[in-house]
Amino acid sequence: MQQRFSTAFGKRLEQLMAEVMPRERGDARDWALMWTSVAIFVYASMHLYRLYAYAYYALGLRPLAHLLGH
């Protein structure tokens, strides 16, 4: 049963990847993947900056630039 589930899951994953992956450079799927990856990067960067700002202001830590000698 486990093998049948993993085989069915693998087939479904391959179908999904075939649908999502771009077929040509610059087509709509290619643009969608690029913009999605940029959005995820911006989202993660925003949260990392918020964490740093919280540590700086709320906990009274020195700024990172000061620690690096700038």
N, C-alpha and C. Protein backbone atom coordinates (compact mmCIF):
# COMPACT_ATOMS: atom_id res chain seq x y z
N MET A 1 0.82 -1.19 0.00
CA MET A 1 0.00 0.00 0.00
C MET A 1 0.87 1.25 0.00
N GLN A 2 1.94 1.26 0.78
CA GLN A 2 2.85 2.40 0.83
C GLN A 2 3.48 2.65 -0.54
N GLN A 3 3.87 1.57 -1.21
CA GLN A 3 4.49 1.73 -2.52
C GLN A 3 3.48 2.27 -3.53
N ARG A 4 2.24 1.81 -3.45
CA ARG A 4 1.22 2.28 -4.37
C ARG A 4 0.96 3.77 -4.15
N PHE A 5 0.94 4.20 -2.87
CA PHE A 5 0.74 5.61 -2.57
C PHE A 5 1.90 6.44 -3.11
N SER A 6 3.13 5.98 -2.88
CA SER A 6 4.29 6.74 -3.34
C SER A 6 4.33 6.79 -4.87
N THR A 7 3.92 5.73 -5.53
CA THR A 7 3.89 5.73 -6.99
C THR A 7 2.85 6.70 -7.50
N ALA A 8 1.65 6.69 -6.90
CA ALA A 8 0.59 7.61 -7.30
C ALA A 8 0.99 9.05 -7.01
N PHE A 9 1.63 9.27 -5.87
CA PHE A 9 2.09 10.61 -5.52
C PHE A 9 3.16 11.07 -6.49
N GLY A 10 4.07 10.19 -6.85
CA GLY A 10 5.13 10.53 -7.80
C GLY A 10 4.57 10.89 -9.17
N LYS A 11 3.58 10.14 -9.63
CA LYS A 11 2.96 10.44 -10.92
C LYS A 11 2.26 11.79 -10.89
N ARG A 12 1.55 12.05 -9.79
CA ARG A 12 0.84 13.33 -9.66
C ARG A 12 1.83 14.49 -9.59
N LEU A 13 2.94 14.27 -8.90
CA LEU A 13 3.96 15.31 -8.81
C LEU A 13 4.58 15.58 -10.18
N GLU A 14 4.82 14.54 -10.95
CA GLU A 14 5.36 14.73 -12.30
C GLU A 14 4.38 15.48 -13.19
N GLN A 15 3.09 15.18 -13.07
CA GLN A 15 2.07 15.90 -13.84
C GLN A 15 2.05 17.38 -13.46
N LEU A 16 2.12 17.64 -12.16
CA LEU A 16 2.11 19.02 -11.69
C LEU A 16 3.34 19.77 -12.20
N MET A 17 4.50 19.14 -12.14
CA MET A 17 5.72 19.79 -12.62
C MET A 17 5.65 20.04 -14.12
N ALA A 18 5.05 19.13 -14.87
CA ALA A 18 4.91 19.32 -16.31
C ALA A 18 4.00 20.50 -16.61
N GLU A 19 2.98 20.72 -15.78
CA GLU A 19 2.07 21.84 -15.98
C GLU A 19 2.72 23.17 -15.61
N VAL A 20 3.55 23.17 -14.59
CA VAL A 20 4.10 24.42 -14.07
C VAL A 20 5.35 24.86 -14.82
N MET A 21 6.20 23.93 -15.20
CA MET A 21 7.47 24.29 -15.81
C MET A 21 7.25 24.92 -17.19
N PRO A 22 8.00 25.98 -17.49
CA PRO A 22 7.84 26.65 -18.79
C PRO A 22 8.32 25.77 -19.94
N ARG A 23 7.67 25.91 -21.06
CA ARG A 23 8.05 25.13 -22.24
C ARG A 23 9.03 25.90 -23.12
N GLU A 24 8.90 27.25 -23.10
CA GLU A 24 9.80 28.10 -23.87
C GLU A 24 10.29 29.23 -22.98
N ARG A 25 11.40 29.79 -23.37
CA ARG A 25 11.92 30.94 -22.61
C ARG A 25 11.03 32.15 -22.90
N GLY A 26 10.55 32.77 -21.82
CA GLY A 26 9.75 33.99 -21.95
C GLY A 26 8.25 33.76 -22.09
N ASP A 27 7.79 32.52 -22.00
CA ASP A 27 6.34 32.30 -22.09
C ASP A 27 5.69 32.66 -20.75
N ALA A 28 4.38 32.54 -20.68
CA ALA A 28 3.63 32.97 -19.50
C ALA A 28 4.05 32.18 -18.25
N ARG A 29 4.32 30.92 -18.39
CA ARG A 29 4.74 30.12 -17.24
C ARG A 29 6.11 30.56 -16.73
N ASP A 30 6.98 30.92 -17.65
CA ASP A 30 8.30 31.41 -17.27
C ASP A 30 8.18 32.70 -16.47
N TRP A 31 7.36 33.63 -16.95
CA TRP A 31 7.14 34.88 -16.24
C TRP A 31 6.50 34.64 -14.88
N ALA A 32 5.54 33.73 -14.83
CA ALA A 32 4.88 33.43 -13.55
C ALA A 32 5.86 32.88 -12.54
N LEU A 33 6.75 31.98 -12.96
CA LEU A 33 7.76 31.44 -12.04
C LEU A 33 8.74 32.52 -11.58
N MET A 34 9.13 33.39 -12.50
CA MET A 34 10.06 34.46 -12.12
C MET A 34 9.41 35.41 -11.12
N TRP A 35 8.19 35.84 -11.38
CA TRP A 35 7.53 36.78 -10.47
C TRP A 35 7.20 36.13 -9.14
N THR A 36 6.87 34.85 -9.15
CA THR A 36 6.60 34.15 -7.90
C THR A 36 7.87 34.06 -7.06
N SER A 37 8.99 33.74 -7.68
CA SER A 37 10.23 33.65 -6.93
C SER A 37 10.66 35.02 -6.39
N VAL A 38 10.46 36.08 -7.16
CA VAL A 38 10.77 37.42 -6.68
C VAL A 38 9.88 37.79 -5.50
N ALA A 39 8.59 37.46 -5.59
CA ALA A 39 7.67 37.77 -4.50
C ALA A 39 8.04 37.03 -3.23
N ILE A 40 8.43 35.78 -3.35
CA ILE A 40 8.85 35.00 -2.18
C ILE A 40 10.12 35.59 -1.58
N PHE A 41 11.06 36.00 -2.42
CA PHE A 41 12.30 36.61 -1.93
C PHE A 41 12.01 37.91 -1.19
N VAL A 42 11.15 38.76 -1.75
CA VAL A 42 10.81 40.02 -1.10
C VAL A 42 10.09 39.76 0.22
N TYR A 43 9.19 38.80 0.24
CA TYR A 43 8.46 38.46 1.46
C TYR A 43 9.41 37.99 2.56
N ALA A 44 10.34 37.12 2.21
CA ALA A 44 11.30 36.61 3.19
C ALA A 44 12.23 37.73 3.66
N SER A 45 12.67 38.59 2.74
CA SER A 45 13.54 39.70 3.11
C SER A 45 12.83 40.67 4.04
N MET A 46 11.56 40.91 3.78
CA MET A 46 10.79 41.81 4.62
C MET A 46 10.72 41.28 6.05
N HIS A 47 10.49 39.99 6.20
CA HIS A 47 10.39 39.42 7.53
C HIS A 47 11.74 39.37 8.24
N LEU A 48 12.81 39.14 7.51
CA LEU A 48 14.14 39.18 8.12
C LEU A 48 14.46 40.60 8.59
N TYR A 49 14.11 41.60 7.80
CA TYR A 49 14.35 42.98 8.22
C TYR A 49 13.51 43.33 9.45
N ARG A 50 12.27 42.89 9.48
CA ARG A 50 11.42 43.15 10.64
C ARG A 50 12.01 42.51 11.89
N LEU A 51 12.54 41.32 11.77
CA LEU A 51 13.16 40.66 12.91
C LEU A 51 14.38 41.44 13.39
N TYR A 52 15.20 41.91 12.46
CA TYR A 52 16.37 42.70 12.81
C TYR A 52 15.94 44.01 13.48
N ALA A 53 14.94 44.70 12.90
CA ALA A 53 14.50 45.96 13.47
C ALA A 53 13.92 45.76 14.86
N TYR A 54 13.20 44.69 15.06
CA TYR A 54 12.65 44.41 16.39
C TYR A 54 13.78 44.21 17.39
N ALA A 55 14.77 43.44 17.02
CA ALA A 55 15.90 43.20 17.92
C ALA A 55 16.64 44.49 18.22
N TYR A 56 16.77 45.34 17.22
CA TYR A 56 17.49 46.60 17.40
C TYR A 56 16.73 47.55 18.32
N TYR A 57 15.46 47.77 18.03
CA TYR A 57 14.71 48.76 18.79
C TYR A 57 14.18 48.23 20.12
N ALA A 58 13.64 47.05 20.13
CA ALA A 58 13.00 46.55 21.35
C ALA A 58 14.00 46.01 22.36
N LEU A 59 15.05 45.39 21.89
CA LEU A 59 15.99 44.78 22.82
C LEU A 59 17.22 45.65 23.08
N GLY A 60 17.32 46.77 22.40
CA GLY A 60 18.43 47.69 22.63
C GLY A 60 19.75 47.22 22.07
N LEU A 61 19.73 46.41 21.06
CA LEU A 61 20.98 45.94 20.45
C LEU A 61 21.57 47.01 19.54
N ARG A 62 22.87 46.92 19.32
CA ARG A 62 23.52 47.86 18.41
C ARG A 62 23.22 47.45 16.97
N PRO A 63 23.19 48.41 16.06
CA PRO A 63 22.93 48.06 14.66
C PRO A 63 24.04 47.19 14.07
N LEU A 64 23.68 46.41 13.08
CA LEU A 64 24.63 45.49 12.46
C LEU A 64 25.82 46.23 11.84
N ALA A 65 25.56 47.38 11.25
CA ALA A 65 26.66 48.16 10.64
C ALA A 65 27.68 48.57 11.69
N HIS A 66 27.23 48.89 12.87
CA HIS A 66 28.14 49.28 13.95
C HIS A 66 29.00 48.09 14.38
N LEU A 67 28.39 46.91 14.41
CA LEU A 67 29.14 45.72 14.77
C LEU A 67 30.19 45.34 13.73
N LEU A 68 29.91 45.69 12.48
CA LEU A 68 30.85 45.37 11.40
C LEU A 68 31.94 46.42 11.25
N GLY A 69 31.86 47.50 12.04
CA GLY A 69 32.90 48.50 12.01
C GLY A 69 32.67 49.62 11.03
N HIS A 70 31.44 49.85 10.61
CA HIS A 70 31.14 50.94 9.65
C HIS A 70 30.61 52.12 10.39
